[in-house]
Full PDB file with SEQRES, HELIX, SHEET, SSBOND, CRYST1, ORIGX, SCALE, CONECT and MASTER records, all heavy atoms in Angstrom:
SEQRES   1 A   33  SER ALA VAL ALA VAL PRO SER ALA ALA GLY ILE PRO VAL          
SEQRES   2 A   33  THR HIS ARG GLY VAL SER GLN GLU PHE HIS VAL VAL SER          
SEQRES   3 A   33  ALA HIS VAL ALA PRO ASP ASP                                  
HELIX    1 AA1 ALA A    4  ALA A    8  1                                   5    
CRYST1    1.000    1.000    1.000  90.00  90.00  90.00 P 1           1          
ORIGX1      1.000000  0.000000  0.000000        0.00000                         
ORIGX2      0.000000  1.000000  0.000000        0.00000                         
ORIGX3      0.000000  0.000000  1.000000        0.00000                         
SCALE1      1.000000  0.000000  0.000000        0.00000                         
SCALE2      0.000000  1.000000  0.000000        0.00000                         
SCALE3      0.000000  0.000000  1.000000        0.00000                         
ATOM      1  N   SER A   1     155.851  39.518 134.656  1.00  0.00           N  
ATOM      2  CA  SER A   1     156.143  38.767 135.869  1.00  0.00           C  
ATOM      3  C   SER A   1     156.359  39.687 137.057  1.00  0.00           C  
ATOM      4  O   SER A   1     156.213  39.260 138.207  1.00  0.00           O  
ATOM      5  CB  SER A   1     157.383  37.888 135.652  1.00  0.00           C  
ATOM      6  OG  SER A   1     158.500  38.688 135.307  1.00  0.00           O  
ATOM      7  N   ALA A   2     156.685  40.936 136.806  1.00  0.00           N  
ATOM      8  CA  ALA A   2     156.932  41.883 137.891  1.00  0.00           C  
ATOM      9  C   ALA A   2     155.713  42.041 138.791  1.00  0.00           C  
ATOM     10  O   ALA A   2     155.840  42.293 139.983  1.00  0.00           O  
ATOM     11  CB  ALA A   2     157.343  43.240 137.327  1.00  0.00           C  
ATOM     12  N   VAL A   3     154.544  41.913 138.232  1.00  0.00           N  
ATOM     13  CA  VAL A   3     153.299  42.032 138.992  1.00  0.00           C  
ATOM     14  C   VAL A   3     152.662  40.664 139.203  1.00  0.00           C  
ATOM     15  O   VAL A   3     152.130  40.370 140.281  1.00  0.00           O  
ATOM     16  CB  VAL A   3     152.316  42.990 138.286  1.00  0.00           C  
ATOM     17  CG1 VAL A   3     150.979  43.015 139.010  1.00  0.00           C  
ATOM     18  CG2 VAL A   3     152.902  44.390 138.209  1.00  0.00           C  
ATOM     19  N   ALA A   4     152.718  39.813 138.194  1.00  0.00           N  
ATOM     20  CA  ALA A   4     152.021  38.518 138.261  1.00  0.00           C  
ATOM     21  C   ALA A   4     152.632  37.581 139.282  1.00  0.00           C  
ATOM     22  O   ALA A   4     151.912  36.865 139.990  1.00  0.00           O  
ATOM     23  CB  ALA A   4     152.016  37.867 136.885  1.00  0.00           C  
ATOM     24  N   VAL A   5     153.946  37.552 139.388  1.00  0.00           N  
ATOM     25  CA  VAL A   5     154.588  36.621 140.316  1.00  0.00           C  
ATOM     26  C   VAL A   5     154.310  36.984 141.758  1.00  0.00           C  
ATOM     27  O   VAL A   5     153.955  36.116 142.567  1.00  0.00           O  
ATOM     28  CB  VAL A   5     156.091  36.504 140.012  1.00  0.00           C  
ATOM     29  CG1 VAL A   5     156.824  35.771 141.138  1.00  0.00           C  
ATOM     30  CG2 VAL A   5     156.303  35.776 138.683  1.00  0.00           C  
ATOM     31  N   PRO A   6     154.469  38.255 142.171  1.00  0.00           N  
ATOM     32  CA  PRO A   6     154.020  38.580 143.538  1.00  0.00           C  
ATOM     33  C   PRO A   6     152.556  38.255 143.785  1.00  0.00           C  
ATOM     34  O   PRO A   6     152.191  37.743 144.851  1.00  0.00           O  
ATOM     35  CB  PRO A   6     154.280  40.092 143.621  1.00  0.00           C  
ATOM     36  CG  PRO A   6     155.386  40.349 142.670  1.00  0.00           C  
ATOM     37  CD  PRO A   6     155.127  39.406 141.536  1.00  0.00           C  
ATOM     38  N   SER A   7     151.700  38.503 142.814  1.00  0.00           N  
ATOM     39  CA  SER A   7     150.271  38.179 142.970  1.00  0.00           C  
ATOM     40  C   SER A   7     150.080  36.677 143.187  1.00  0.00           C  
ATOM     41  O   SER A   7     149.277  36.248 144.021  1.00  0.00           O  
ATOM     42  CB  SER A   7     149.487  38.638 141.744  1.00  0.00           C  
ATOM     43  OG  SER A   7     149.489  40.040 141.623  1.00  0.00           O  
ATOM     44  N   ALA A   8     150.822  35.864 142.424  1.00  0.00           N  
ATOM     45  CA  ALA A   8     150.708  34.411 142.564  1.00  0.00           C  
ATOM     46  C   ALA A   8     151.134  33.952 143.947  1.00  0.00           C  
ATOM     47  O   ALA A   8     150.691  32.901 144.421  1.00  0.00           O  
ATOM     48  CB  ALA A   8     151.553  33.710 141.495  1.00  0.00           C  
ATOM     49  N   ALA A   9     151.988  34.740 144.594  1.00  0.00           N  
ATOM     50  CA  ALA A   9     152.413  34.417 145.955  1.00  0.00           C  
ATOM     51  C   ALA A   9     151.560  35.113 147.016  1.00  0.00           C  
ATOM     52  O   ALA A   9     151.879  35.034 148.209  1.00  0.00           O  
ATOM     53  CB  ALA A   9     153.877  34.816 146.143  1.00  0.00           C  
ATOM     54  N   GLY A  10     150.483  35.785 146.572  1.00  0.00           N  
ATOM     55  CA  GLY A  10     149.588  36.429 147.500  1.00  0.00           C  
ATOM     56  C   GLY A  10     150.032  37.801 147.952  1.00  0.00           C  
ATOM     57  O   GLY A  10     149.490  38.334 148.937  1.00  0.00           O  
ATOM     58  N   ILE A  11     151.002  38.407 147.252  1.00  0.00           N  
ATOM     59  CA  ILE A  11     151.548  39.703 147.660  1.00  0.00           C  
ATOM     60  C   ILE A  11     151.029  40.785 146.738  1.00  0.00           C  
ATOM     61  O   ILE A  11     151.312  40.780 145.535  1.00  0.00           O  
ATOM     62  CB  ILE A  11     153.095  39.693 147.608  1.00  0.00           C  
ATOM     63  CG1 ILE A  11     153.649  38.584 148.510  1.00  0.00           C  
ATOM     64  CG2 ILE A  11     153.664  41.043 148.027  1.00  0.00           C  
ATOM     65  CD1 ILE A  11     155.150  38.371 148.355  1.00  0.00           C  
ATOM     66  N   PRO A  12     150.285  41.771 147.271  1.00  0.00           N  
ATOM     67  CA  PRO A  12     149.861  42.899 146.446  1.00  0.00           C  
ATOM     68  C   PRO A  12     151.017  43.882 146.298  1.00  0.00           C  
ATOM     69  O   PRO A  12     151.721  44.155 147.265  1.00  0.00           O  
ATOM     70  CB  PRO A  12     148.710  43.520 147.250  1.00  0.00           C  
ATOM     71  CG  PRO A  12     149.057  43.206 148.674  1.00  0.00           C  
ATOM     72  CD  PRO A  12     149.770  41.866 148.649  1.00  0.00           C  
ATOM     73  N   VAL A  13     151.229  44.410 145.121  1.00  0.00           N  
ATOM     74  CA  VAL A  13     152.345  45.364 144.965  1.00  0.00           C  
ATOM     75  C   VAL A  13     151.970  46.742 145.493  1.00  0.00           C  
ATOM     76  O   VAL A  13     152.843  47.554 145.789  1.00  0.00           O  
ATOM     77  CB  VAL A  13     152.817  45.445 143.488  1.00  0.00           C  
ATOM     78  CG1 VAL A  13     153.385  44.103 143.057  1.00  0.00           C  
ATOM     79  CG2 VAL A  13     151.716  45.900 142.566  1.00  0.00           C  
ATOM     80  N   THR A  14     150.663  47.023 145.601  1.00  0.00           N  
ATOM     81  CA  THR A  14     150.182  48.223 146.288  1.00  0.00           C  
ATOM     82  C   THR A  14     149.084  47.807 147.252  1.00  0.00           C  
ATOM     83  O   THR A  14     148.423  46.786 147.061  1.00  0.00           O  
ATOM     84  CB  THR A  14     149.616  49.274 145.299  1.00  0.00           C  
ATOM     85  OG1 THR A  14     148.490  48.723 144.615  1.00  0.00           O  
ATOM     86  CG2 THR A  14     150.677  49.694 144.283  1.00  0.00           C  
ATOM     87  N   HIS A  15     148.899  48.607 148.298  1.00  0.00           N  
ATOM     88  CA  HIS A  15     147.820  48.329 149.260  1.00  0.00           C  
ATOM     89  C   HIS A  15     147.484  49.636 149.955  1.00  0.00           C  
ATOM     90  O   HIS A  15     148.381  50.363 150.393  1.00  0.00           O  
ATOM     91  CB  HIS A  15     148.275  47.264 150.277  1.00  0.00           C  
ATOM     92  CG  HIS A  15     147.163  46.798 151.179  1.00  0.00           C  
ATOM     93  ND1 HIS A  15     146.145  46.004 150.753  1.00  0.00           N  
ATOM     94  CD2 HIS A  15     146.924  47.046 152.503  1.00  0.00           C  
ATOM     95  CE1 HIS A  15     145.311  45.750 151.753  1.00  0.00           C  
ATOM     96  NE2 HIS A  15     145.756  46.376 152.826  1.00  0.00           N  
ATOM     97  N   ARG A  16     146.178  49.899 150.070  1.00  0.00           N  
ATOM     98  CA  ARG A  16     145.745  51.171 150.664  1.00  0.00           C  
ATOM     99  C   ARG A  16     146.289  51.333 152.066  1.00  0.00           C  
ATOM    100  O   ARG A  16     146.170  50.453 152.899  1.00  0.00           O  
ATOM    101  CB  ARG A  16     144.222  51.244 150.657  1.00  0.00           C  
ATOM    102  CG  ARG A  16     143.658  52.585 151.113  1.00  0.00           C  
ATOM    103  CD  ARG A  16     142.217  52.737 150.637  1.00  0.00           C  
ATOM    104  NE  ARG A  16     141.348  51.689 151.152  1.00  0.00           N  
ATOM    105  CZ  ARG A  16     140.546  51.854 152.213  1.00  0.00           C  
ATOM    106  NH1 ARG A  16     140.523  52.976 152.869  1.00  0.00           N  
ATOM    107  NH2 ARG A  16     139.773  50.858 152.595  1.00  0.00           N  
ATOM    108  N   GLY A  17     146.907  52.476 152.328  1.00  0.00           N  
ATOM    109  CA  GLY A  17     147.465  52.765 153.617  1.00  0.00           C  
ATOM    110  C   GLY A  17     148.855  52.191 153.843  1.00  0.00           C  
ATOM    111  O   GLY A  17     149.474  52.449 154.885  1.00  0.00           O  
ATOM    112  N   VAL A  18     149.344  51.401 152.894  1.00  0.00           N  
ATOM    113  CA  VAL A  18     150.659  50.770 153.041  1.00  0.00           C  
ATOM    114  C   VAL A  18     151.630  51.270 151.957  1.00  0.00           C  
ATOM    115  O   VAL A  18     152.711  51.739 152.237  1.00  0.00           O  
ATOM    116  CB  VAL A  18     150.560  49.236 152.991  1.00  0.00           C  
ATOM    117  CG1 VAL A  18     151.949  48.586 153.047  1.00  0.00           C  
ATOM    118  CG2 VAL A  18     149.696  48.723 154.134  1.00  0.00           C  
ATOM    119  N   SER A  19     151.226  51.163 150.696  1.00  0.00           N  
ATOM    120  CA  SER A  19     152.102  51.559 149.603  1.00  0.00           C  
ATOM    121  C   SER A  19     151.251  52.109 148.456  1.00  0.00           C  
ATOM    122  O   SER A  19     150.365  51.429 147.959  1.00  0.00           O  
ATOM    123  CB  SER A  19     152.927  50.371 149.117  1.00  0.00           C  
ATOM    124  OG  SER A  19     153.716  50.754 147.986  1.00  0.00           O  
ATOM    125  N   GLN A  20     151.556  53.329 148.055  1.00  0.00           N  
ATOM    126  CA  GLN A  20     150.846  53.974 146.964  1.00  0.00           C  
ATOM    127  C   GLN A  20     151.647  53.941 145.658  1.00  0.00           C  
ATOM    128  O   GLN A  20     151.247  54.554 144.668  1.00  0.00           O  
ATOM    129  CB  GLN A  20     150.546  55.429 147.316  1.00  0.00           C  
ATOM    130  CG  GLN A  20     149.649  55.591 148.550  1.00  0.00           C  
ATOM    131  CD  GLN A  20     149.405  57.044 148.883  1.00  0.00           C  
ATOM    132  OE1 GLN A  20     149.373  57.906 148.008  1.00  0.00           O  
ATOM    133  NE2 GLN A  20     149.221  57.347 150.148  1.00  0.00           N  
ATOM    134  N   GLU A  21     152.782  53.274 145.664  1.00  0.00           N  
ATOM    135  CA  GLU A  21     153.633  53.232 144.474  1.00  0.00           C  
ATOM    136  C   GLU A  21     154.438  51.952 144.469  1.00  0.00           C  
ATOM    137  O   GLU A  21     154.664  51.336 145.523  1.00  0.00           O  
ATOM    138  CB  GLU A  21     154.572  54.425 144.469  1.00  0.00           C  
ATOM    139  CG  GLU A  21     155.470  54.498 145.684  1.00  0.00           C  
ATOM    140  CD  GLU A  21     156.372  55.726 145.724  1.00  0.00           C  
ATOM    141  OE1 GLU A  21     156.871  56.087 144.644  1.00  0.00           O  
ATOM    142  OE2 GLU A  21     156.583  56.283 146.797  1.00  0.00           O  
ATOM    143  N   PHE A  22     154.852  51.548 143.281  1.00  0.00           N  
ATOM    144  CA  PHE A  22     155.811  50.447 143.200  1.00  0.00           C  
ATOM    145  C   PHE A  22     156.794  50.729 142.073  1.00  0.00           C  
ATOM    146  O   PHE A  22     156.458  51.391 141.073  1.00  0.00           O  
ATOM    147  CB  PHE A  22     155.121  49.081 143.025  1.00  0.00           C  
ATOM    148  CG  PHE A  22     154.381  48.880 141.736  1.00  0.00           C  
ATOM    149  CD1 PHE A  22     155.005  48.290 140.646  1.00  0.00           C  
ATOM    150  CD2 PHE A  22     153.069  49.256 141.615  1.00  0.00           C  
ATOM    151  CE1 PHE A  22     154.326  48.083 139.444  1.00  0.00           C  
ATOM    152  CE2 PHE A  22     152.363  49.049 140.433  1.00  0.00           C  
ATOM    153  CZ  PHE A  22     153.004  48.456 139.357  1.00  0.00           C  
ATOM    154  N   HIS A  23     157.994  50.257 142.254  1.00  0.00           N  
ATOM    155  CA  HIS A  23     159.094  50.488 141.315  1.00  0.00           C  
ATOM    156  C   HIS A  23     159.587  49.142 140.828  1.00  0.00           C  
ATOM    157  O   HIS A  23     159.909  48.251 141.629  1.00  0.00           O  
ATOM    158  CB  HIS A  23     160.244  51.239 141.991  1.00  0.00           C  
ATOM    159  CG  HIS A  23     159.823  52.514 142.662  1.00  0.00           C  
ATOM    160  ND1 HIS A  23     159.893  53.734 142.047  1.00  0.00           N  
ATOM    161  CD2 HIS A  23     159.313  52.748 143.913  1.00  0.00           C  
ATOM    162  CE1 HIS A  23     159.450  54.668 142.876  1.00  0.00           C  
ATOM    163  NE2 HIS A  23     159.098  54.090 144.016  1.00  0.00           N  
ATOM    164  N   VAL A  24     159.675  48.978 139.512  1.00  0.00           N  
ATOM    165  CA  VAL A  24     160.188  47.757 138.920  1.00  0.00           C  
ATOM    166  C   VAL A  24     161.608  48.040 138.438  1.00  0.00           C  
ATOM    167  O   VAL A  24     161.825  48.946 137.629  1.00  0.00           O  
ATOM    168  CB  VAL A  24     159.305  47.289 137.758  1.00  0.00           C  
ATOM    169  CG1 VAL A  24     159.854  45.996 137.164  1.00  0.00           C  
ATOM    170  CG2 VAL A  24     157.862  47.092 138.209  1.00  0.00           C  
ATOM    171  N   VAL A  25     162.562  47.250 138.956  1.00  0.00           N  
ATOM    172  CA  VAL A  25     163.970  47.544 138.725  1.00  0.00           C  
ATOM    173  C   VAL A  25     164.666  46.330 138.127  1.00  0.00           C  
ATOM    174  O   VAL A  25     164.516  45.211 138.617  1.00  0.00           O  
ATOM    175  CB  VAL A  25     164.662  47.909 140.066  1.00  0.00           C  
ATOM    176  CG1 VAL A  25     166.144  48.206 139.822  1.00  0.00           C  
ATOM    177  CG2 VAL A  25     163.972  49.099 140.702  1.00  0.00           C  
ATOM    178  N   SER A  26     165.425  46.564 137.065  1.00  0.00           N  
ATOM    179  CA  SER A  26     166.302  45.537 136.523  1.00  0.00           C  
ATOM    180  C   SER A  26     167.630  45.607 137.283  1.00  0.00           C  
ATOM    181  O   SER A  26     168.317  46.639 137.246  1.00  0.00           O  
ATOM    182  CB  SER A  26     166.549  45.754 135.034  1.00  0.00           C  
ATOM    183  OG  SER A  26     167.579  44.894 134.591  1.00  0.00           O  
ATOM    184  N   ALA A  27     167.967  44.532 137.976  1.00  0.00           N  
ATOM    185  CA  ALA A  27     169.180  44.498 138.785  1.00  0.00           C  
ATOM    186  C   ALA A  27     170.252  43.643 138.162  1.00  0.00           C  
ATOM    187  O   ALA A  27     171.019  42.961 138.840  1.00  0.00           O  
ATOM    188  CB  ALA A  27     168.847  43.989 140.183  1.00  0.00           C  
ATOM    189  N   HIS A  28     170.318  43.664 136.822  1.00  0.00           N  
ATOM    190  CA  HIS A  28     171.295  42.817 136.149  1.00  0.00           C  
ATOM    191  C   HIS A  28     172.721  43.352 136.291  1.00  0.00           C  
ATOM    192  O   HIS A  28     173.685  42.662 135.971  1.00  0.00           O  
ATOM    193  CB  HIS A  28     170.930  42.638 134.673  1.00  0.00           C  
ATOM    194  CG  HIS A  28     171.049  43.899 133.858  1.00  0.00           C  
ATOM    195  ND1 HIS A  28     170.152  44.926 133.959  1.00  0.00           N  
ATOM    196  CD2 HIS A  28     171.968  44.276 132.952  1.00  0.00           C  
ATOM    197  CE1 HIS A  28     170.490  45.894 133.156  1.00  0.00           C  
ATOM    198  NE2 HIS A  28     171.597  45.548 132.512  1.00  0.00           N  
ATOM    199  N   VAL A  29     172.852  44.599 136.757  1.00  0.00           N  
ATOM    200  CA  VAL A  29     174.161  45.124 137.121  1.00  0.00           C  
ATOM    201  C   VAL A  29     174.086  45.620 138.567  1.00  0.00           C  
ATOM    202  O   VAL A  29     173.021  46.046 139.033  1.00  0.00           O  
ATOM    203  CB  VAL A  29     174.628  46.266 136.189  1.00  0.00           C  
ATOM    204  CG1 VAL A  29     174.864  45.725 134.799  1.00  0.00           C  
ATOM    205  CG2 VAL A  29     173.615  47.405 136.157  1.00  0.00           C  
ATOM    206  N   ALA A  30     175.172  45.563 139.277  1.00  0.00           N  
ATOM    207  CA  ALA A  30     175.205  45.919 140.708  1.00  0.00           C  
ATOM    208  C   ALA A  30     175.014  47.419 140.886  1.00  0.00           C  
ATOM    209  O   ALA A  30     175.296  48.208 139.969  1.00  0.00           O  
ATOM    210  CB  ALA A  30     176.528  45.468 141.310  1.00  0.00           C  
ATOM    211  N   PRO A  31     174.568  47.838 142.089  1.00  0.00           N  
ATOM    212  CA  PRO A  31     174.345  49.274 142.322  1.00  0.00           C  
ATOM    213  C   PRO A  31     175.566  50.138 142.093  1.00  0.00           C  
ATOM    214  O   PRO A  31     175.444  51.308 141.693  1.00  0.00           O  
ATOM    215  CB  PRO A  31     173.894  49.303 143.783  1.00  0.00           C  
ATOM    216  CG  PRO A  31     173.271  47.979 144.028  1.00  0.00           C  
ATOM    217  CD  PRO A  31     174.080  47.024 143.209  1.00  0.00           C  
ATOM    218  N   ASP A  32     176.764  49.614 142.372  1.00  0.00           N  
ATOM    219  CA  ASP A  32     177.984  50.426 142.223  1.00  0.00           C  
ATOM    220  C   ASP A  32     178.625  50.298 140.845  1.00  0.00           C  
ATOM    221  O   ASP A  32     179.704  50.831 140.613  1.00  0.00           O  
ATOM    222  CB  ASP A  32     178.999  50.053 143.305  1.00  0.00           C  
ATOM    223  CG  ASP A  32     179.377  48.562 143.268  1.00  0.00           C  
ATOM    224  OD1 ASP A  32     178.760  47.828 142.477  1.00  0.00           O  
ATOM    225  OD2 ASP A  32     180.299  48.167 144.019  1.00  0.00           O  
ATOM    226  N   ASP A  33     177.964  49.575 139.951  1.00  0.00           N  
ATOM    227  CA  ASP A  33     178.526  49.410 138.606  1.00  0.00           C  
ATOM    228  C   ASP A  33     178.309  50.689 137.803  1.00  0.00           C  
ATOM    229  O   ASP A  33     177.215  51.242 137.785  1.00  0.00           O  
ATOM    230  CB  ASP A  33     177.831  48.227 137.914  1.00  0.00           C  
ATOM    231  CG  ASP A  33     178.551  47.798 136.647  1.00  0.00           C  
ATOM    232  OD1 ASP A  33     178.735  48.649 135.747  1.00  0.00           O  
ATOM    233  OD2 ASP A  33     178.880  46.605 136.532  1.00  0.00           O  
TER     234      ASP A  33                                                      
MASTER        0    0    0    1    0    0    0    6  233    1    0    3          
END                                                                             
């Protein structure tokens, strides 16, 4: 779903000249945890 759901909404996770990388993050705990 990390890639398929953005695609279903028309959002590419990478695009030439815009983003050459993507990071998939589990946020089930807060950044300061």
